[in-house]
Amino acid sequence: MTKNTTKDDKKIAKNDDDKSKPDLGPKIRIKIRAYDNKIIDIATKTIIDTAERNEAKIVGPVPLPTEIKKYSVNRSTFVHKPSQEQYEIRTHKRIIDIYNAGPKAVDALMNLNLPSGVDIEIKMS
């Protein structure tokens, strides 16, 4: 004997799986960007240390693909088109998710002193 399953049965099974996951509370997602990989590592370590001191749960840092922009510039004018100089800008990115961050942790994260050259975007949900 085989059991016939319908789409409704599958939806019910999916909803049961969602309930088994623990609720981690409000989430803070921090996106970090920098041109230098050493600076971005220092910034992520500072953020993680601050969040751990305030007893928040941390997921990450998750390294995202490096964005590479390449530019070609003529070395001289007129007939020397084949002679070009090539430049590239590498943007390194990381994502850190912080769960169960209390007001104390949020204040500490907002007042962080990070190295120059680091761009941070913070979203709360």
C-alpha atoms as a PDB file:
ATOM      1  CA  MET A   1       0.000   0.000   0.000  1.00  0.00           C
ATOM      2  CA  THR A   2       1.238   3.446  -0.832  1.00  0.00           C
ATOM      3  CA  LYS A   3       0.231   6.658   0.785  1.00  0.00           C
ATOM      4  CA  ASN A   4      -0.998   9.396  -1.508  1.00  0.00           C
ATOM      5  CA  THR A   5       0.327  12.786  -0.448  1.00  0.00           C
ATOM      6  CA  THR A   6      -1.064  16.045  -1.646  1.00  0.00           C
ATOM      7  CA  LYS A   7       0.347  19.540  -1.793  1.00  0.00           C
ATOM      8  CA  ASP A   8      -1.588  20.420   1.360  1.00  0.00           C
ATOM      9  CA  ASP A   9       0.143  17.619   3.275  1.00  0.00           C
ATOM     10  CA  LYS A  10       3.529  18.943   2.169  1.00  0.00           C
ATOM     11  CA  LYS A  11       2.629  22.474   3.280  1.00  0.00           C
ATOM     12  CA  ILE A  12       1.639  21.167   6.703  1.00  0.00           C
ATOM     13  CA  ALA A  13       4.940  19.292   6.970  1.00  0.00           C
ATOM     14  CA  LYS A  14       6.885  22.451   6.073  1.00  0.00           C
ATOM     15  CA  ASN A  15       5.047  24.467   8.711  1.00  0.00           C
ATOM     16  CA  ASP A  16       5.898  21.830  11.337  1.00  0.00           C
ATOM     17  CA  ASP A  17       9.589  22.152  10.427  1.00  0.00           C
ATOM     18  CA  ASP A  18       9.451  25.929  10.877  1.00  0.00           C
ATOM     19  CA  LYS A  19       8.113  25.521  14.409  1.00  0.00           C
ATOM     20  CA  SER A  20      11.000  23.256  15.423  1.00  0.00           C
ATOM     21  CA  LYS A  21      13.568  26.008  14.784  1.00  0.00           C
ATOM     22  CA  PRO A  22      14.362  28.072  17.878  1.00  0.00           C
ATOM     23  CA  ASP A  23      13.317  31.722  17.818  1.00  0.00           C
ATOM     24  CA  LEU A  24      16.463  33.815  18.035  1.00  0.00           C
ATOM     25  CA  GLY A  25      14.670  37.110  18.570  1.00  0.00           C
ATOM     26  CA  PRO A  26      15.354  40.387  16.758  1.00  0.00           C
ATOM     27  CA  LYS A  27      18.161  40.377  14.212  1.00  0.00           C
ATOM     28  CA  ILE A  28      20.790  42.975  13.388  1.00  0.00           C
ATOM     29  CA  ARG A  29      22.515  42.533  10.020  1.00  0.00           C
ATOM     30  CA  ILE A  30      25.806  44.358   9.560  1.00  0.00           C
ATOM     31  CA  LYS A  31      27.296  44.690   6.073  1.00  0.00           C
ATOM     32  CA  ILE A  32      30.951  45.705   6.019  1.00  0.00           C
ATOM     33  CA  ARG A  33      32.860  46.930   2.952  1.00  0.00           C
ATOM     34  CA  ALA A  34      36.489  47.966   2.549  1.00  0.00           C
ATOM     35  CA  TYR A  35      39.157  48.168  -0.117  1.00  0.00           C
ATOM     36  CA  ASP A  36      41.788  46.495   2.082  1.00  0.00           C
ATOM     37  CA  ASN A  37      41.264  42.968   3.404  1.00  0.00           C
ATOM     38  CA  LYS A  38      43.384  43.562   6.535  1.00  0.00           C
ATOM     39  CA  ILE A  39      41.265  46.535   7.592  1.00  0.00           C
ATOM     40  CA  ILE A  40      38.015  44.629   7.053  1.00  0.00           C
ATOM     41  CA  ASP A  41      39.296  41.745   9.208  1.00  0.00           C
ATOM     42  CA  ILE A  42      40.171  44.173  12.019  1.00  0.00           C
ATOM     43  CA  ALA A  43      36.714  45.776  11.796  1.00  0.00           C
ATOM     44  CA  THR A  44      34.890  42.417  11.876  1.00  0.00           C
ATOM     45  CA  LYS A  45      36.940  41.263  14.865  1.00  0.00           C
ATOM     46  CA  THR A  46      36.100  44.487  16.726  1.00  0.00           C
ATOM     47  CA  ILE A  47      32.376  44.099  16.003  1.00  0.00           C
ATOM     48  CA  ILE A  48      32.343  40.431  17.051  1.00  0.00           C
ATOM     49  CA  ASP A  49      34.247  41.142  20.286  1.00  0.00           C
ATOM     50  CA  THR A  50      31.815  43.937  21.171  1.00  0.00           C
ATOM     51  CA  ALA A  51      28.762  41.758  20.505  1.00  0.00           C
ATOM     52  CA  GLU A  52      30.195  38.834  22.508  1.00  0.00           C
ATOM     53  CA  ARG A  53      30.919  41.116  25.480  1.00  0.00           C
ATOM     54  CA  ASN A  54      27.228  42.046  25.490  1.00  0.00           C
ATOM     55  CA  GLU A  55      26.113  38.378  25.329  1.00  0.00           C
ATOM     56  CA  ALA A  56      24.566  38.439  21.856  1.00  0.00           C
ATOM     57  CA  LYS A  57      24.485  35.432  19.518  1.00  0.00           C
ATOM     58  CA  ILE A  58      26.632  35.943  16.426  1.00  0.00           C
ATOM     59  CA  VAL A  59      26.415  34.274  13.020  1.00  0.00           C
ATOM     60  CA  GLY A  60      29.351  35.024  10.774  1.00  0.00           C
ATOM     61  CA  PRO A  61      31.369  36.756   9.527  1.00  0.00           C
ATOM     62  CA  VAL A  62      30.293  35.498   6.121  1.00  0.00           C
ATOM     63  CA  PRO A  63      32.733  36.548   3.393  1.00  0.00           C
ATOM     64  CA  LEU A  64      30.943  37.649   0.244  1.00  0.00           C
ATOM     65  CA  PRO A  65      32.546  37.592  -3.218  1.00  0.00           C
ATOM     66  CA  THR A  66      35.064  40.354  -3.814  1.00  0.00           C
ATOM     67  CA  GLU A  67      33.755  42.944  -6.251  1.00  0.00           C
ATOM     68  CA  ILE A  68      36.430  43.798  -8.836  1.00  0.00           C
ATOM     69  CA  LYS A  69      36.132  46.858 -11.069  1.00  0.00           C
ATOM     70  CA  LYS A  70      38.719  47.131 -13.844  1.00  0.00           C
ATOM     71  CA  TYR A  71      39.631  50.305 -15.712  1.00  0.00           C
ATOM     72  CA  SER A  72      41.836  50.670 -18.802  1.00  0.00           C
ATOM     73  CA  VAL A  73      43.483  54.015 -19.499  1.00  0.00           C
ATOM     74  CA  ASN A  74      45.534  55.024 -22.542  1.00  0.00           C
ATOM     75  CA  ARG A  75      49.188  55.592 -21.644  1.00  0.00           C
ATOM     76  CA  SER A  76      49.463  58.347 -24.212  1.00  0.00           C
ATOM     77  CA  THR A  77      47.312  60.077 -26.763  1.00  0.00           C
ATOM     78  CA  PHE A  78      46.864  59.641 -30.511  1.00  0.00           C
ATOM     79  CA  VAL A  79      48.322  56.469 -32.156  1.00  0.00           C
ATOM     80  CA  HIS A  80      49.381  54.523 -29.046  1.00  0.00           C
ATOM     81  CA  LYS A  81      46.023  52.844 -28.438  1.00  0.00           C
ATOM     82  CA  PRO A  82      47.478  49.326 -27.862  1.00  0.00           C
ATOM     83  CA  SER A  83      49.581  50.675 -25.014  1.00  0.00           C
ATOM     84  CA  GLN A  84      47.164  50.895 -22.097  1.00  0.00           C
ATOM     85  CA  GLU A  85      47.536  50.959 -18.348  1.00  0.00           C
ATOM     86  CA  GLN A  86      45.093  48.765 -16.409  1.00  0.00           C
ATOM     87  CA  TYR A  87      43.835  49.503 -12.899  1.00  0.00           C
ATOM     88  CA  GLU A  88      41.452  47.627 -10.658  1.00  0.00           C
ATOM     89  CA  ILE A  89      39.530  48.377  -7.492  1.00  0.00           C
ATOM     90  CA  ARG A  90      38.780  45.427  -5.210  1.00  0.00           C
ATOM     91  CA  THR A  91      35.918  45.814  -2.733  1.00  0.00           C
ATOM     92  CA  HIS A  92      35.943  43.191   0.026  1.00  0.00           C
ATOM     93  CA  LYS A  93      32.627  42.485   1.783  1.00  0.00           C
ATOM     94  CA  ARG A  94      31.478  40.683   4.935  1.00  0.00           C
ATOM     95  CA  ILE A  95      28.094  40.090   6.590  1.00  0.00           C
ATOM     96  CA  ILE A  96      27.557  39.559  10.314  1.00  0.00           C
ATOM     97  CA  ASP A  97      24.173  38.639  11.825  1.00  0.00           C
ATOM     98  CA  ILE A  98      23.643  39.398  15.507  1.00  0.00           C
ATOM     99  CA  TYR A  99      20.685  37.917  17.400  1.00  0.00           C
ATOM    100  CA  ASN A 100      19.305  38.698  20.880  1.00  0.00           C
ATOM    101  CA  ALA A 101      21.114  42.020  21.051  1.00  0.00           C
ATOM    102  CA  GLY A 102      19.831  44.065  23.958  1.00  0.00           C
ATOM    103  CA  PRO A 103      19.809  47.868  24.113  1.00  0.00           C
ATOM    104  CA  LYS A 104      23.231  47.817  25.760  1.00  0.00           C
ATOM    105  CA  ALA A 105      24.692  45.852  22.834  1.00  0.00           C
ATOM    106  CA  VAL A 106      23.072  48.149  20.258  1.00  0.00           C
ATOM    107  CA  ASP A 107      24.533  51.237  21.967  1.00  0.00           C
ATOM    108  CA  ALA A 108      27.970  49.610  22.085  1.00  0.00           C
ATOM    109  CA  LEU A 109      27.788  48.750  18.367  1.00  0.00           C
ATOM    110  CA  MET A 110      26.674  52.273  17.427  1.00  0.00           C
ATOM    111  CA  ASN A 111      29.556  53.871  19.355  1.00  0.00           C
ATOM    112  CA  LEU A 112      32.291  51.617  17.968  1.00  0.00           C
ATOM    113  CA  ASN A 113      35.543  53.188  16.857  1.00  0.00           C
ATOM    114  CA  LEU A 114      36.499  51.399  13.627  1.00  0.00           C
ATOM    115  CA  PRO A 115      39.462  51.959  11.287  1.00  0.00           C
ATOM    116  CA  SER A 116      39.094  54.520   8.523  1.00  0.00           C
ATOM    117  CA  GLY A 117      38.296  53.124   5.095  1.00  0.00           C
ATOM    118  CA  VAL A 118      35.567  50.800   6.388  1.00  0.00           C
ATOM    119  CA  ASP A 119      31.955  51.302   5.272  1.00  0.00           C
ATOM    120  CA  ILE A 120      29.249  49.830   7.508  1.00  0.00           C
ATOM    121  CA  GLU A 121      25.535  49.375   6.854  1.00  0.00           C
ATOM    122  CA  ILE A 122      23.349  48.273   9.780  1.00  0.00           C
ATOM    123  CA  LYS A 123      19.798  46.933   9.380  1.00  0.00           C
ATOM    124  CA  MET A 124      17.525  45.847  12.211  1.00  0.00           C
ATOM    125  CA  SER A 125      14.622  43.449  11.724  1.00  0.00           C
END
